[in-house]
Amino acid sequence: MNKIKNPALREAYERLYHKTPLGFYNCGRLCDGLCCRGDEQGMWLFPYEEELFREKEGFTVCETEGNHGYPMVICSGECNRAERPLACRIFPLFPLIIEDEGKIRIKVIYDPRAGMCPLARQNKELDTSFIKEVRKATRYLIRDEEILEYMKAVSLELIEIIELQRRLGEI
């Protein structure tokens, strides 16, 4: 992977380098890689990631109206796992950032946008070391103010999605 200039992002990438939701098993084999087939399905980029994928072979960065001003990346369907974006590294989870009386809490949840993932749909128990590393990586990420603000905005959006799903009886 290109040199990652942002230290918070670099540490998160390193922490999640070998981690997957099911330990050593490639979870993409469960769903035939639904989240990475090289079609219009993409992953949202975190702050500072765009520069890593803008000119990278096998990836297309797409501007979007969503994702709080940050683009999405679509892979060619096969990538070197060492070069995948942060959203792929933490999938199908998202670490919610919850502010309570001036303190920040991290709550790792199944991302409600990960409906195509059999792990999320079936609420499968994930490798606890994976969940712990997502939380630890998040502690590094939120040291950067821009990443913290991005994650707070996404967290509010996900909480709204979860509340809507509850009202509709989907969860």
C-alpha atoms as a PDB file:
ATOM      1  CA  MET A   1       0.000   0.000   0.000  1.00  0.00           C
ATOM      2  CA  ASN A   2       1.179   3.506  -0.688  1.00  0.00           C
ATOM      3  CA  LYS A   3       2.706   5.253   2.264  1.00  0.00           C
ATOM      4  CA  ILE A   4      -0.185   6.334   4.453  1.00  0.00           C
ATOM      5  CA  LYS A   5       0.632   9.841   5.612  1.00  0.00           C
ATOM      6  CA  ASN A   6      -2.016  10.188   8.303  1.00  0.00           C
ATOM      7  CA  PRO A   7      -0.733   8.430  11.460  1.00  0.00           C
ATOM      8  CA  ALA A   8      -4.217   7.580  12.784  1.00  0.00           C
ATOM      9  CA  LEU A   9      -5.231   5.959   9.506  1.00  0.00           C
ATOM     10  CA  ARG A  10      -1.883   4.173   9.197  1.00  0.00           C
ATOM     11  CA  GLU A  11      -2.252   2.653  12.687  1.00  0.00           C
ATOM     12  CA  ALA A  12      -5.830   1.524  11.953  1.00  0.00           C
ATOM     13  CA  TYR A  13      -4.722  -0.134   8.699  1.00  0.00           C
ATOM     14  CA  GLU A  14      -1.908  -1.927  10.497  1.00  0.00           C
ATOM     15  CA  ARG A  15      -4.121  -3.109  13.374  1.00  0.00           C
ATOM     16  CA  LEU A  16      -6.639  -4.582  10.932  1.00  0.00           C
ATOM     17  CA  TYR A  17      -4.135  -5.942   8.398  1.00  0.00           C
ATOM     18  CA  HIS A  18      -4.626  -9.633   9.236  1.00  0.00           C
ATOM     19  CA  LYS A  19      -8.009  -9.428  10.931  1.00  0.00           C
ATOM     20  CA  THR A  20     -11.216 -10.728   9.402  1.00  0.00           C
ATOM     21  CA  PRO A  21     -14.692 -11.275  10.872  1.00  0.00           C
ATOM     22  CA  LEU A  22     -14.261 -15.054  10.935  1.00  0.00           C
ATOM     23  CA  GLY A  23     -10.658 -15.386  12.027  1.00  0.00           C
ATOM     24  CA  PHE A  24      -8.555 -16.879   9.238  1.00  0.00           C
ATOM     25  CA  TYR A  25     -11.539 -17.759   7.053  1.00  0.00           C
ATOM     26  CA  ASN A  26     -12.245 -15.435   4.106  1.00  0.00           C
ATOM     27  CA  CYS A  27     -15.826 -14.355   4.764  1.00  0.00           C
ATOM     28  CA  GLY A  28     -16.252 -13.501   1.052  1.00  0.00           C
ATOM     29  CA  ARG A  29     -16.538 -17.218   0.373  1.00  0.00           C
ATOM     30  CA  LEU A  30     -19.867 -17.270   2.233  1.00  0.00           C
ATOM     31  CA  CYS A  31     -21.536 -14.852  -0.173  1.00  0.00           C
ATOM     32  CA  ASP A  32     -19.400 -15.135  -3.303  1.00  0.00           C
ATOM     33  CA  GLY A  33     -17.944 -11.718  -2.578  1.00  0.00           C
ATOM     34  CA  LEU A  34     -21.170  -9.713  -2.787  1.00  0.00           C
ATOM     35  CA  CYS A  35     -19.483  -6.599  -1.432  1.00  0.00           C
ATOM     36  CA  CYS A  36     -16.573  -6.732  -3.872  1.00  0.00           C
ATOM     37  CA  ARG A  37     -17.662  -7.927  -7.285  1.00  0.00           C
ATOM     38  CA  GLY A  38     -16.363  -4.985  -9.236  1.00  0.00           C
ATOM     39  CA  ASP A  39     -19.816  -3.677 -10.181  1.00  0.00           C
ATOM     40  CA  GLU A  40     -21.564  -0.581  -8.828  1.00  0.00           C
ATOM     41  CA  GLN A  41     -21.231  -1.856  -5.257  1.00  0.00           C
ATOM     42  CA  GLY A  42     -18.571   0.154  -3.487  1.00  0.00           C
ATOM     43  CA  MET A  43     -17.251   1.059  -0.093  1.00  0.00           C
ATOM     44  CA  TRP A  44     -17.286   4.518   1.449  1.00  0.00           C
ATOM     45  CA  LEU A  45     -13.875   6.034   1.989  1.00  0.00           C
ATOM     46  CA  PHE A  46     -12.812   7.576   5.274  1.00  0.00           C
ATOM     47  CA  PRO A  47     -10.973  10.908   5.369  1.00  0.00           C
ATOM     48  CA  TYR A  48      -7.447  10.708   3.889  1.00  0.00           C
ATOM     49  CA  GLU A  49      -8.131   7.458   1.996  1.00  0.00           C
ATOM     50  CA  GLU A  50      -8.958   8.993  -1.375  1.00  0.00           C
ATOM     51  CA  GLU A  51      -5.301   9.706  -2.106  1.00  0.00           C
ATOM     52  CA  LEU A  52      -4.513   6.009  -1.579  1.00  0.00           C
ATOM     53  CA  PHE A  53      -6.970   4.839  -4.257  1.00  0.00           C
ATOM     54  CA  ARG A  54      -7.185   7.720  -6.772  1.00  0.00           C
ATOM     55  CA  GLU A  55      -4.519   6.336  -9.141  1.00  0.00           C
ATOM     56  CA  LYS A  56      -4.433   2.735  -7.919  1.00  0.00           C
ATOM     57  CA  GLU A  57      -4.921   0.020 -10.515  1.00  0.00           C
ATOM     58  CA  GLY A  58      -8.015  -2.090  -9.882  1.00  0.00           C
ATOM     59  CA  PHE A  59      -9.857   0.663  -8.000  1.00  0.00           C
ATOM     60  CA  THR A  60     -12.174   3.429  -9.177  1.00  0.00           C
ATOM     61  CA  VAL A  61     -12.868   6.404  -6.936  1.00  0.00           C
ATOM     62  CA  CYS A  62     -16.361   7.795  -7.467  1.00  0.00           C
ATOM     63  CA  GLU A  63     -17.685  11.106  -6.249  1.00  0.00           C
ATOM     64  CA  THR A  64     -20.999  10.718  -4.481  1.00  0.00           C
ATOM     65  CA  GLU A  65     -23.692  12.783  -2.854  1.00  0.00           C
ATOM     66  CA  GLY A  66     -23.543  10.609   0.260  1.00  0.00           C
ATOM     67  CA  ASN A  67     -20.807   9.817   2.736  1.00  0.00           C
ATOM     68  CA  HIS A  68     -20.554  13.313   4.186  1.00  0.00           C
ATOM     69  CA  GLY A  69     -18.479  14.700   1.322  1.00  0.00           C
ATOM     70  CA  TYR A  70     -16.089  11.791   0.936  1.00  0.00           C
ATOM     71  CA  PRO A  71     -16.056   9.540  -2.139  1.00  0.00           C
ATOM     72  CA  MET A  72     -16.626   5.832  -2.557  1.00  0.00           C
ATOM     73  CA  VAL A  73     -14.247   3.312  -4.073  1.00  0.00           C
ATOM     74  CA  ILE A  74     -15.196   0.400  -6.298  1.00  0.00           C
ATOM     75  CA  CYS A  75     -12.723  -2.420  -6.692  1.00  0.00           C
ATOM     76  CA  SER A  76     -12.265  -4.559  -9.771  1.00  0.00           C
ATOM     77  CA  GLY A  77     -13.627  -7.572  -7.915  1.00  0.00           C
ATOM     78  CA  GLU A  78     -10.292  -8.884  -6.730  1.00  0.00           C
ATOM     79  CA  CYS A  79      -7.782  -7.043  -4.663  1.00  0.00           C
ATOM     80  CA  ASN A  80      -4.752  -7.616  -2.562  1.00  0.00           C
ATOM     81  CA  ARG A  81      -6.292  -7.764   0.928  1.00  0.00           C
ATOM     82  CA  ALA A  82      -3.414  -5.611   2.182  1.00  0.00           C
ATOM     83  CA  GLU A  83      -4.664  -2.811  -0.071  1.00  0.00           C
ATOM     84  CA  ARG A  84      -8.346  -2.774   0.821  1.00  0.00           C
ATOM     85  CA  PRO A  85      -9.917   0.382   2.262  1.00  0.00           C
ATOM     86  CA  LEU A  86     -10.829   0.771   5.912  1.00  0.00           C
ATOM     87  CA  ALA A  87     -14.544   0.138   5.308  1.00  0.00           C
ATOM     88  CA  CYS A  88     -13.627  -3.287   3.883  1.00  0.00           C
ATOM     89  CA  ARG A  89     -11.333  -4.024   6.802  1.00  0.00           C
ATOM     90  CA  ILE A  90     -14.107  -3.448   9.366  1.00  0.00           C
ATOM     91  CA  PHE A  91     -17.014  -4.857   7.320  1.00  0.00           C
ATOM     92  CA  PRO A  92     -19.735  -5.805   8.307  1.00  0.00           C
ATOM     93  CA  LEU A  93     -19.202  -3.731  11.442  1.00  0.00           C
ATOM     94  CA  PHE A  94     -19.083  -0.044  12.202  1.00  0.00           C
ATOM     95  CA  PRO A  95     -17.757   1.546  15.390  1.00  0.00           C
ATOM     96  CA  LEU A  96     -20.395   4.018  16.537  1.00  0.00           C
ATOM     97  CA  ILE A  97     -19.044   7.117  18.210  1.00  0.00           C
ATOM     98  CA  ILE A  98     -21.292   8.092  21.086  1.00  0.00           C
ATOM     99  CA  GLU A  99     -20.713  11.281  23.045  1.00  0.00           C
ATOM    100  CA  ASP A 100     -21.979  11.244  26.600  1.00  0.00           C
ATOM    101  CA  GLU A 101     -21.279  14.106  28.991  1.00  0.00           C
ATOM    102  CA  GLY A 102     -18.196  15.147  27.056  1.00  0.00           C
ATOM    103  CA  LYS A 103     -16.779  11.624  26.920  1.00  0.00           C
ATOM    104  CA  ILE A 104     -16.563   9.521  23.813  1.00  0.00           C
ATOM    105  CA  ARG A 105     -17.654   5.901  23.828  1.00  0.00           C
ATOM    106  CA  ILE A 106     -17.110   3.409  21.020  1.00  0.00           C
ATOM    107  CA  LYS A 107     -19.825   0.837  20.409  1.00  0.00           C
ATOM    108  CA  VAL A 108     -19.024  -1.676  17.680  1.00  0.00           C
ATOM    109  CA  ILE A 109     -22.216  -2.777  15.913  1.00  0.00           C
ATOM    110  CA  TYR A 110     -23.280  -4.601  12.795  1.00  0.00           C
ATOM    111  CA  ASP A 111     -23.523  -1.862  10.189  1.00  0.00           C
ATOM    112  CA  PRO A 112     -27.215  -1.566   9.238  1.00  0.00           C
ATOM    113  CA  ARG A 113     -26.090  -0.810   5.655  1.00  0.00           C
ATOM    114  CA  ALA A 114     -24.465  -4.267   5.418  1.00  0.00           C
ATOM    115  CA  GLY A 115     -27.702  -6.034   4.515  1.00  0.00           C
ATOM    116  CA  MET A 116     -26.079  -8.054   1.732  1.00  0.00           C
ATOM    117  CA  CYS A 117     -23.703  -9.708   4.193  1.00  0.00           C
ATOM    118  CA  PRO A 118     -24.810 -13.116   5.479  1.00  0.00           C
ATOM    119  CA  LEU A 119     -22.894 -12.478   8.705  1.00  0.00           C
ATOM    120  CA  ALA A 120     -24.963  -9.361   9.410  1.00  0.00           C
ATOM    121  CA  ARG A 121     -28.284 -10.815   8.196  1.00  0.00           C
ATOM    122  CA  GLN A 122     -27.920 -13.917  10.344  1.00  0.00           C
ATOM    123  CA  ASN A 123     -26.363 -12.012  13.253  1.00  0.00           C
ATOM    124  CA  LYS A 124     -23.476 -14.507  13.282  1.00  0.00           C
ATOM    125  CA  GLU A 125     -21.080 -14.451  16.174  1.00  0.00           C
ATOM    126  CA  LEU A 126     -17.842 -12.942  14.974  1.00  0.00           C
ATOM    127  CA  ASP A 127     -14.303 -13.610  16.091  1.00  0.00           C
ATOM    128  CA  THR A 128     -13.952 -11.564  19.303  1.00  0.00           C
ATOM    129  CA  SER A 129     -10.373 -10.615  18.411  1.00  0.00           C
ATOM    130  CA  PHE A 130     -11.719  -8.985  15.225  1.00  0.00           C
ATOM    131  CA  ILE A 131     -14.233  -6.918  17.201  1.00  0.00           C
ATOM    132  CA  LYS A 132     -11.544  -5.902  19.703  1.00  0.00           C
ATOM    133  CA  GLU A 133      -9.204  -4.806  16.917  1.00  0.00           C
ATOM    134  CA  VAL A 134     -11.958  -2.736  15.285  1.00  0.00           C
ATOM    135  CA  ARG A 135     -12.438  -0.976  18.640  1.00  0.00           C
ATOM    136  CA  LYS A 136      -8.671  -0.488  19.112  1.00  0.00           C
ATOM    137  CA  ALA A 137      -8.262   0.810  15.569  1.00  0.00           C
ATOM    138  CA  THR A 138     -11.093   3.252  16.204  1.00  0.00           C
ATOM    139  CA  ARG A 139      -9.294   4.612  19.256  1.00  0.00           C
ATOM    140  CA  TYR A 140      -6.438   5.575  16.936  1.00  0.00           C
ATOM    141  CA  LEU A 141      -8.729   6.928  14.229  1.00  0.00           C
ATOM    142  CA  ILE A 142     -10.578   9.315  16.518  1.00  0.00           C
ATOM    143  CA  ARG A 143      -7.331  10.970  17.575  1.00  0.00           C
ATOM    144  CA  ASP A 144      -7.587  12.793  14.255  1.00  0.00           C
ATOM    145  CA  GLU A 145     -10.207  15.556  14.424  1.00  0.00           C
ATOM    146  CA  GLU A 146     -11.366  15.181  10.793  1.00  0.00           C
ATOM    147  CA  ILE A 147     -11.820  11.416  11.145  1.00  0.00           C
ATOM    148  CA  LEU A 148     -13.574  11.894  14.492  1.00  0.00           C
ATOM    149  CA  GLU A 149     -16.051  14.370  12.974  1.00  0.00           C
ATOM    150  CA  TYR A 150     -16.657  12.038  10.016  1.00  0.00           C
ATOM    151  CA  MET A 151     -17.266   9.053  12.303  1.00  0.00           C
ATOM    152  CA  LYS A 152     -19.621  11.084  14.514  1.00  0.00           C
ATOM    153  CA  ALA A 153     -21.633  12.110  11.437  1.00  0.00           C
ATOM    154  CA  VAL A 154     -21.809   8.516  10.141  1.00  0.00           C
ATOM    155  CA  SER A 155     -22.725   7.301  13.633  1.00  0.00           C
ATOM    156  CA  LEU A 156     -25.694   9.701  13.787  1.00  0.00           C
ATOM    157  CA  GLU A 157     -26.803   8.514  10.343  1.00  0.00           C
ATOM    158  CA  LEU A 158     -26.570   4.853  11.377  1.00  0.00           C
ATOM    159  CA  ILE A 159     -28.499   5.490  14.588  1.00  0.00           C
ATOM    160  CA  GLU A 160     -31.272   7.039  12.471  1.00  0.00           C
ATOM    161  CA  ILE A 161     -31.278   3.987  10.164  1.00  0.00           C
ATOM    162  CA  ILE A 162     -31.459   1.635  13.160  1.00  0.00           C
ATOM    163  CA  GLU A 163     -34.343   3.620  14.678  1.00  0.00           C
ATOM    164  CA  LEU A 164     -36.219   3.530  11.369  1.00  0.00           C
ATOM    165  CA  GLN A 165     -35.649  -0.226  11.094  1.00  0.00           C
ATOM    166  CA  ARG A 166     -37.015  -0.660  14.609  1.00  0.00           C
ATOM    167  CA  ARG A 167     -40.118   1.390  13.812  1.00  0.00           C
ATOM    168  CA  LEU A 168     -40.685  -0.652  10.679  1.00  0.00           C
ATOM    169  CA  GLY A 169     -40.320  -3.867  12.652  1.00  0.00           C
ATOM    170  CA  GLU A 170     -37.255  -5.001  10.712  1.00  0.00           C
ATOM    171  CA  ILE A 171     -35.202  -5.556  13.863  1.00  0.00           C
END
